[in-house]
Amino acid sequence: MGRQATPITLTFQNHRKPSILFVKRDAVTGETLSGAIIEVSRNGQKIGDYETKEDGTFTITELVEGTYTFREKTPPAGYL
């Protein structure tokens, strides 16, 4: 006699890679600051320089696992 296949259900979950929203603020007023150049490294390897936009932010998407370091290379105009 023929055997019937038993249906099964498979569920796959896709996970979005994490992202970072960086915000540069004045230490006293809390105002966001544009124009800062930030060097970003992962596991000691430079991945790029990013400039804060008019709202004081930049975003890095599609991050992979690792240890990230942020270093200000150039402060905004009028800051040290």
Protein backbone atom coordinates (compact mmCIF):
# COMPACT_ATOMS: atom_id res chain seq x y z
CA MET A 1 0.00 0.00 0.00
CA GLY A 2 1.19 3.56 -0.74
CA ARG A 3 2.27 5.75 2.10
CA GLN A 4 1.17 9.35 2.25
CA ALA A 5 3.71 11.99 3.10
CA THR A 6 3.14 13.71 6.40
CA PRO A 7 3.21 17.49 6.00
CA ILE A 8 5.55 19.40 8.28
CA THR A 9 5.78 23.09 9.06
CA LEU A 10 9.10 24.94 9.05
CA THR A 11 9.40 28.42 10.49
CA PHE A 12 12.35 30.65 9.58
CA GLN A 13 13.09 33.86 11.40
CA ASN A 14 15.16 36.58 9.78
CA HIS A 15 16.88 38.93 12.15
CA ARG A 16 17.86 42.43 11.15
CA LYS A 17 21.50 43.28 11.73
CA PRO A 18 21.90 45.90 14.45
CA SER A 19 22.64 49.56 13.83
CA ILE A 20 24.05 52.41 15.89
CA LEU A 21 22.63 55.92 16.10
CA PHE A 22 25.44 58.22 17.27
CA VAL A 23 24.46 61.59 18.79
CA LYS A 24 26.99 64.37 19.48
CA ARG A 25 25.89 66.85 22.19
CA ASP A 26 27.30 69.88 23.98
CA ALA A 27 28.37 68.71 27.46
CA VAL A 28 26.82 71.75 29.17
CA THR A 29 23.69 72.60 27.20
CA GLY A 30 22.84 69.18 25.74
CA GLU A 31 22.37 70.84 22.33
CA THR A 32 23.14 68.53 19.40
CA LEU A 33 26.24 69.42 17.40
CA SER A 34 26.82 69.07 13.67
CA GLY A 35 30.15 68.88 11.87
CA ALA A 36 32.07 66.57 14.21
CA ILE A 37 34.19 63.97 12.40
CA ILE A 38 34.17 60.64 14.24
CA GLU A 39 36.50 57.77 13.39
CA VAL A 40 34.84 54.39 13.90
CA SER A 41 36.81 51.16 14.36
CA ARG A 42 35.75 47.55 14.84
CA ASN A 43 38.11 45.21 16.67
CA GLY A 44 40.93 47.75 16.20
CA GLN A 45 40.40 48.10 12.43
CA LYS A 46 39.19 51.45 11.07
CA ILE A 47 35.88 51.09 9.22
CA GLY A 48 35.37 54.76 8.38
CA ASP A 49 35.04 58.42 9.27
CA TYR A 50 31.53 59.76 9.83
CA GLU A 51 30.35 63.37 10.12
CA THR A 52 27.49 64.39 12.36
CA LYS A 53 24.63 65.90 10.36
CA GLU A 54 22.69 69.06 11.14
CA ASP A 55 20.78 67.20 13.88
CA GLY A 56 24.06 66.06 15.49
CA THR A 57 23.69 62.43 14.43
CA PHE A 58 24.91 59.76 12.07
CA THR A 59 23.81 56.14 11.74
CA ILE A 60 25.81 53.03 10.91
CA THR A 61 23.73 50.08 9.73
CA GLU A 62 24.33 46.40 9.03
CA LEU A 63 26.76 46.01 11.93
CA VAL A 64 28.52 42.72 12.44
CA GLU A 65 29.64 41.32 15.78
CA GLY A 66 32.64 43.03 17.31
CA THR A 67 33.92 45.72 19.64
CA TYR A 68 33.36 49.22 18.25
CA THR A 69 35.43 52.29 19.14
CA PHE A 70 34.42 55.90 18.43
CA ARG A 71 37.10 58.63 18.42
CA GLU A 72 36.48 62.27 17.64
CA LYS A 73 39.01 63.32 15.00
CA THR A 74 37.66 66.81 14.36
CA PRO A 75 35.39 68.69 16.78
CA PRO A 76 32.54 70.87 15.54
CA ALA A 77 33.38 74.50 14.76
CA GLY A 78 33.91 76.50 17.97
CA TYR A 79 34.77 73.42 20.10
CA LEU A 80 38.06 71.92 21.27
